[in-house]
C-alpha atoms as a PDB file:
ATOM      1  CA  LEU A   1       7.075 -22.627  -1.745  1.00  0.00           C
ATOM      2  CA  THR A   2       5.678 -24.858   0.919  1.00  0.00           C
ATOM      3  CA  PRO A   3       2.253 -26.549   0.614  1.00  0.00           C
ATOM      4  CA  GLU A   4      -0.649 -24.747   2.086  1.00  0.00           C
ATOM      5  CA  ASN A   5      -2.966 -26.047   4.704  1.00  0.00           C
ATOM      6  CA  ASN A   6      -6.221 -24.961   3.552  1.00  0.00           C
ATOM      7  CA  ARG A   7      -8.223 -26.582   6.129  1.00  0.00           C
ATOM      8  CA  ARG A   8      -7.407 -24.019   8.502  1.00  0.00           C
ATOM      9  CA  ILE A   9     -10.040 -21.399   9.467  1.00  0.00           C
ATOM     10  CA  ARG A  10      -8.319 -18.393  11.061  1.00  0.00           C
ATOM     11  CA  PHE A  11      -8.512 -14.817   9.989  1.00  0.00           C
ATOM     12  CA  LEU A  12      -8.566 -11.374  11.495  1.00  0.00           C
ATOM     13  CA  SER A  13     -11.101  -8.764  11.814  1.00  0.00           C
ATOM     14  CA  LYS A  14     -10.370  -5.159  10.678  1.00  0.00           C
ATOM     15  CA  GLU A  15      -9.651  -4.040  14.050  1.00  0.00           C
ATOM     16  CA  GLU A  16      -7.313  -6.919  14.772  1.00  0.00           C
ATOM     17  CA  SER A  17      -5.609  -6.232  11.311  1.00  0.00           C
ATOM     18  CA  GLN A  18      -4.872  -2.787  12.230  1.00  0.00           C
ATOM     19  CA  THR A  19      -3.631  -3.840  15.743  1.00  0.00           C
ATOM     20  CA  LEU A  20      -1.237  -6.115  14.255  1.00  0.00           C
ATOM     21  CA  ILE A  21       0.058  -3.455  11.848  1.00  0.00           C
ATOM     22  CA  ASP A  22       0.308  -1.134  14.796  1.00  0.00           C
ATOM     23  CA  CYS A  23       2.443  -3.635  16.800  1.00  0.00           C
ATOM     24  CA  SER A  24       4.685  -4.574  13.836  1.00  0.00           C
ATOM     25  CA  ILE A  25       8.176  -3.126  13.803  1.00  0.00           C
ATOM     26  CA  SER A  26       9.288  -0.917  10.964  1.00  0.00           C
ATOM     27  CA  HIS A  27      10.668  -3.719   8.614  1.00  0.00           C
ATOM     28  CA  LEU A  28       7.758  -5.846   9.130  1.00  0.00           C
ATOM     29  CA  LYS A  29       4.812  -3.236   8.854  1.00  0.00           C
ATOM     30  CA  PRO A  30       4.953  -2.824   4.829  1.00  0.00           C
ATOM     31  CA  ILE A  31       5.288  -6.616   4.535  1.00  0.00           C
ATOM     32  CA  VAL A  32       2.103  -7.116   6.598  1.00  0.00           C
ATOM     33  CA  ILE A  33       0.157  -4.391   4.799  1.00  0.00           C
ATOM     34  CA  MET A  34       1.131  -5.877   1.559  1.00  0.00           C
ATOM     35  CA  ALA A  35      -0.086  -9.210   2.725  1.00  0.00           C
ATOM     36  CA  LEU A  36      -3.335  -7.846   3.971  1.00  0.00           C
ATOM     37  CA  ASN A  37      -4.007  -5.626   0.730  1.00  0.00           C
ATOM     38  CA  THR A  38      -3.019  -8.186  -1.979  1.00  0.00           C
ATOM     39  CA  GLY A  39      -3.378 -11.793  -0.404  1.00  0.00           C
ATOM     40  CA  MET A  40       0.085 -12.420  -1.644  1.00  0.00           C
ATOM     41  CA  ARG A  41       2.011 -15.426  -0.086  1.00  0.00           C
ATOM     42  CA  LEU A  42       5.029 -14.659   2.144  1.00  0.00           C
ATOM     43  CA  GLY A  43       7.271 -16.125  -0.397  1.00  0.00           C
ATOM     44  CA  GLU A  44       5.985 -13.990  -3.320  1.00  0.00           C
ATOM     45  CA  ILE A  45       6.293 -10.880  -0.946  1.00  0.00           C
ATOM     46  CA  LEU A  46       9.894 -11.699   0.057  1.00  0.00           C
ATOM     47  CA  LYS A  47      11.009 -12.417  -3.465  1.00  0.00           C
ATOM     48  CA  LEU A  48       9.320  -9.449  -4.988  1.00  0.00           C
ATOM     49  CA  LYS A  49      11.458  -7.187  -7.007  1.00  0.00           C
ATOM     50  CA  TRP A  50      10.918  -3.521  -8.135  1.00  0.00           C
ATOM     51  CA  GLU A  51      10.878  -4.437 -11.682  1.00  0.00           C
ATOM     52  CA  GLN A  52       7.622  -6.371 -10.791  1.00  0.00           C
ATOM     53  CA  VAL A  53       5.936  -3.362  -9.392  1.00  0.00           C
ATOM     54  CA  ASP A  54       4.149  -0.794 -11.642  1.00  0.00           C
ATOM     55  CA  LEU A  55       3.004   2.106  -9.527  1.00  0.00           C
ATOM     56  CA  ARG A  56       2.209   4.209 -12.562  1.00  0.00           C
ATOM     57  CA  HIS A  57      -0.424   1.895 -13.755  1.00  0.00           C
ATOM     58  CA  GLY A  58      -1.137   0.294 -10.247  1.00  0.00           C
ATOM     59  CA  PHE A  59      -0.255  -3.306 -10.378  1.00  0.00           C
ATOM     60  CA  ILE A  60       2.270  -5.996  -9.326  1.00  0.00           C
ATOM     61  CA  LEU A  61       3.101  -8.722 -11.796  1.00  0.00           C
ATOM     62  CA  LEU A  62       3.965 -12.128 -10.254  1.00  0.00           C
ATOM     63  CA  ASP A  63       5.631 -14.668 -12.750  1.00  0.00           C
ATOM     64  CA  ASP A  64       6.774 -17.144  -9.955  1.00  0.00           C
ATOM     65  CA  THR A  65       3.551 -18.443  -8.357  1.00  0.00           C
ATOM     66  CA  LYS A  66       2.533 -21.568  -6.533  1.00  0.00           C
ATOM     67  CA  ASN A  67       0.572 -22.861  -9.652  1.00  0.00           C
ATOM     68  CA  ASN A  68       3.021 -21.387 -12.146  1.00  0.00           C
ATOM     69  CA  GLU A  69       0.730 -19.139 -13.703  1.00  0.00           C
ATOM     70  CA  ARG A  70       1.210 -15.341 -14.225  1.00  0.00           C
ATOM     71  CA  ARG A  71      -0.821 -13.231 -11.790  1.00  0.00           C
ATOM     72  CA  GLN A  72      -1.393  -9.625 -11.868  1.00  0.00           C
ATOM     73  CA  ILE A  73      -2.184  -7.880  -8.695  1.00  0.00           C
ATOM     74  CA  PRO A  74      -3.899  -4.426  -8.472  1.00  0.00           C
ATOM     75  CA  ILE A  75      -2.219  -1.954  -6.092  1.00  0.00           C
ATOM     76  CA  ASN A  76      -4.756   0.010  -3.955  1.00  0.00           C
ATOM     77  CA  SER A  77      -4.398   3.355  -2.413  1.00  0.00           C
ATOM     78  CA  THR A  78      -3.228   2.046   1.059  1.00  0.00           C
ATOM     79  CA  LEU A  79      -0.478  -0.187  -0.488  1.00  0.00           C
ATOM     80  CA  ARG A  80       0.519   2.607  -3.031  1.00  0.00           C
ATOM     81  CA  GLU A  81       1.178   4.862  -0.161  1.00  0.00           C
ATOM     82  CA  VAL A  82       3.375   2.326   1.742  1.00  0.00           C
ATOM     83  CA  LEU A  83       5.325   1.415  -1.499  1.00  0.00           C
ATOM     84  CA  GLU A  84       6.086   5.041  -2.378  1.00  0.00           C
ATOM     85  CA  LYS A  85       7.848   5.404   1.124  1.00  0.00           C
ATOM     86  CA  LEU A  86      10.062   2.409   0.635  1.00  0.00           C
ATOM     87  CA  PRO A  87      13.870   2.968  -0.532  1.00  0.00           C
ATOM     88  CA  ILE A  88      14.373   2.444  -4.157  1.00  0.00           C
ATOM     89  CA  GLY A  89      17.505   2.988  -6.389  1.00  0.00           C
ATOM     90  CA  LEU A  90      19.513   1.515  -8.895  1.00  0.00           C
ATOM     91  CA  LYS A  91      21.249  -0.851  -6.342  1.00  0.00           C
ATOM     92  CA  ILE A  92      18.075  -1.895  -4.571  1.00  0.00           C
ATOM     93  CA  GLU A  93      16.737  -4.756  -6.460  1.00  0.00           C
ATOM     94  CA  HIS A  94      14.120  -6.202  -4.013  1.00  0.00           C
ATOM     95  CA  VAL A  95      11.143  -4.271  -2.536  1.00  0.00           C
ATOM     96  CA  PHE A  96      11.735  -5.547   1.039  1.00  0.00           C
ATOM     97  CA  THR A  97      15.420  -5.264   2.044  1.00  0.00           C
ATOM     98  CA  GLY A  98      17.459  -4.614   5.059  1.00  0.00           C
ATOM     99  CA  ASP A  99      19.686  -1.699   5.754  1.00  0.00           C
ATOM    100  CA  ASP A 100      22.496  -3.895   3.944  1.00  0.00           C
ATOM    101  CA  GLY A 101      20.384  -3.938   0.748  1.00  0.00           C
ATOM    102  CA  LYS A 102      19.766  -7.758   0.827  1.00  0.00           C
ATOM    103  CA  PRO A 103      16.223  -9.106   0.811  1.00  0.00           C
ATOM    104  CA  TYR A 104      14.656 -10.430   3.975  1.00  0.00           C
ATOM    105  CA  ASN A 105      14.476 -14.201   3.630  1.00  0.00           C
ATOM    106  CA  ARG A 106      12.295 -14.612   6.698  1.00  0.00           C
ATOM    107  CA  VAL A 107      10.223 -12.701   9.026  1.00  0.00           C
ATOM    108  CA  LYS A 108       9.248 -15.512  11.665  1.00  0.00           C
ATOM    109  CA  SER A 109      10.652 -13.978  14.840  1.00  0.00           C
ATOM    110  CA  SER A 110       9.343 -10.452  14.075  1.00  0.00           C
ATOM    111  CA  PHE A 111       6.073 -11.544  13.065  1.00  0.00           C
ATOM    112  CA  ALA A 112       5.647 -13.642  16.274  1.00  0.00           C
ATOM    113  CA  THR A 113       6.814 -10.607  18.377  1.00  0.00           C
ATOM    114  CA  ALA A 114       4.100  -8.439  16.616  1.00  0.00           C
ATOM    115  CA  LEU A 115       1.342 -11.384  17.384  1.00  0.00           C
ATOM    116  CA  LYS A 116       2.359 -11.242  20.945  1.00  0.00           C
ATOM    117  CA  ARG A 117       2.342  -7.401  21.239  1.00  0.00           C
ATOM    118  CA  ALA A 118      -1.123  -7.493  19.489  1.00  0.00           C
ATOM    119  CA  ASN A 119      -2.356 -10.407  21.853  1.00  0.00           C
ATOM    120  CA  ILE A 120      -3.353 -12.255  18.733  1.00  0.00           C
ATOM    121  CA  LEU A 121      -3.200 -16.075  19.285  1.00  0.00           C
ATOM    122  CA  ASP A 122      -3.230 -19.202  17.157  1.00  0.00           C
ATOM    123  CA  PHE A 123      -2.105 -17.130  13.931  1.00  0.00           C
ATOM    124  CA  ARG A 124       0.296 -17.590  11.217  1.00  0.00           C
ATOM    125  CA  PHE A 125       1.584 -15.436   8.394  1.00  0.00           C
ATOM    126  CA  HIS A 126      -0.426 -17.495   5.782  1.00  0.00           C
ATOM    127  CA  ASP A 127      -3.539 -16.639   7.796  1.00  0.00           C
ATOM    128  CA  LEU A 128      -3.106 -13.051   6.360  1.00  0.00           C
ATOM    129  CA  ARG A 129      -4.055 -14.516   3.021  1.00  0.00           C
ATOM    130  CA  HIS A 130      -7.224 -15.856   4.600  1.00  0.00           C
ATOM    131  CA  THR A 131      -7.990 -12.482   6.103  1.00  0.00           C
ATOM    132  CA  PHE A 132      -7.654 -10.813   2.625  1.00  0.00           C
ATOM    133  CA  ALA A 133     -10.334 -13.300   1.121  1.00  0.00           C
ATOM    134  CA  SER A 134     -12.528 -13.151   3.972  1.00  0.00           C
ATOM    135  CA  GLN A 135     -12.697  -9.397   4.322  1.00  0.00           C
ATOM    136  CA  LEU A 136     -13.277  -9.142   0.476  1.00  0.00           C
ATOM    137  CA  VAL A 137     -16.203 -11.558   0.545  1.00  0.00           C
ATOM    138  CA  MET A 138     -17.628  -9.745   3.766  1.00  0.00           C
ATOM    139  CA  SER A 139     -17.558  -6.589   1.790  1.00  0.00           C
ATOM    140  CA  GLY A 140     -19.448  -7.920  -1.124  1.00  0.00           C
ATOM    141  CA  VAL A 141     -16.803  -8.958  -3.553  1.00  0.00           C
ATOM    142  CA  ASP A 142     -17.859 -11.901  -5.592  1.00  0.00           C
ATOM    143  CA  LEU A 143     -16.024 -15.305  -5.275  1.00  0.00           C
ATOM    144  CA  ALA A 144     -14.961 -15.146  -8.977  1.00  0.00           C
ATOM    145  CA  THR A 145     -13.008 -11.971  -8.455  1.00  0.00           C
ATOM    146  CA  VAL A 146     -11.383 -13.243  -5.047  1.00  0.00           C
ATOM    147  CA  LYS A 147     -10.359 -16.407  -6.928  1.00  0.00           C
ATOM    148  CA  GLU A 148      -8.601 -14.316  -9.830  1.00  0.00           C
ATOM    149  CA  LEU A 149      -6.818 -12.086  -7.034  1.00  0.00           C
ATOM    150  CA  LEU A 150      -5.577 -15.242  -5.127  1.00  0.00           C
ATOM    151  CA  GLY A 151      -4.489 -17.014  -8.292  1.00  0.00           C
ATOM    152  CA  HIS A 152      -6.627 -19.987  -7.684  1.00  0.00           C
ATOM    153  CA  LYS A 153      -7.510 -22.527 -10.581  1.00  0.00           C
ATOM    154  CA  SER A 154     -10.819 -23.468  -9.049  1.00  0.00           C
ATOM    155  CA  ILE A 155     -13.612 -21.543  -7.165  1.00  0.00           C
ATOM    156  CA  SER A 156     -13.778 -24.546  -4.690  1.00  0.00           C
ATOM    157  CA  MET A 157     -10.178 -23.492  -3.638  1.00  0.00           C
ATOM    158  CA  THR A 158     -11.419 -19.963  -2.955  1.00  0.00           C
ATOM    159  CA  MET A 159     -14.328 -21.114  -0.987  1.00  0.00           C
ATOM    160  CA  ARG A 160     -11.898 -22.483   1.582  1.00  0.00           C
ATOM    161  CA  TYR A 161     -10.487 -18.957   2.126  1.00  0.00           C
ATOM    162  CA  ALA A 162     -13.733 -17.196   2.054  1.00  0.00           C
ATOM    163  CA  HIS A 163     -14.562 -17.563   5.698  1.00  0.00           C
ATOM    164  CA  LEU A 164     -17.495 -15.354   7.101  1.00  0.00           C
ATOM    165  CA  SER A 165     -17.493 -13.899  10.462  1.00  0.00           C
ATOM    166  CA  PRO A 166     -20.488 -14.929  12.663  1.00  0.00           C
ATOM    167  CA  GLY A 167     -21.499 -11.212  12.774  1.00  0.00           C
ATOM    168  CA  HIS A 168     -21.591 -11.219   8.819  1.00  0.00           C
ATOM    169  CA  MET A 169     -23.777 -14.491   9.085  1.00  0.00           C
ATOM    170  CA  VAL A 170     -26.183 -12.953  11.445  1.00  0.00           C
ATOM    171  CA  LYS A 171     -26.568  -9.866   9.257  1.00  0.00           C
ATOM    172  CA  ALA A 172     -27.137 -12.110   6.101  1.00  0.00           C
ATOM    173  CA  VAL A 173     -29.975 -13.974   7.691  1.00  0.00           C
ATOM    174  CA  GLN A 174     -31.623 -10.668   8.721  1.00  0.00           C
ATOM    175  CA  VAL A 175     -31.835  -9.702   5.249  1.00  0.00           C
END
């Protein structure tokens, strides 16, 4: 996995997130939905195997993470619905595969096309991780929980992801 640039502040609103999903082609859409609903890194998503997904108990188990620590990620109802529609079988090992059954190893061009269609500028796939964290914080989830969901070792790392929208800040001072 490549090093992350954690100084970058860029995340999508809920409306922009939905527009990005709507503008994604069929193979990219579930990948974007997974990123927005789990905060997983692109490499973690593309390497994901069905044996790591427990739909019955509602979690994804990651062993191969950036900080080499095992991480359990809850599956929400939105992601469950998407995962249940994906092809699964004895010969399908990875969650996200092409028609040939081989896992995708990159989505750069299809992601760029989706961003262009959605009219979203200055945005990278990794910023979906920022979006996940920021949306959680703006919905009232505490930073300790966000830290665990992202798999960070320190709360200071999580603070870099937990950017708040200007509208959220205005509401906060009104309290």
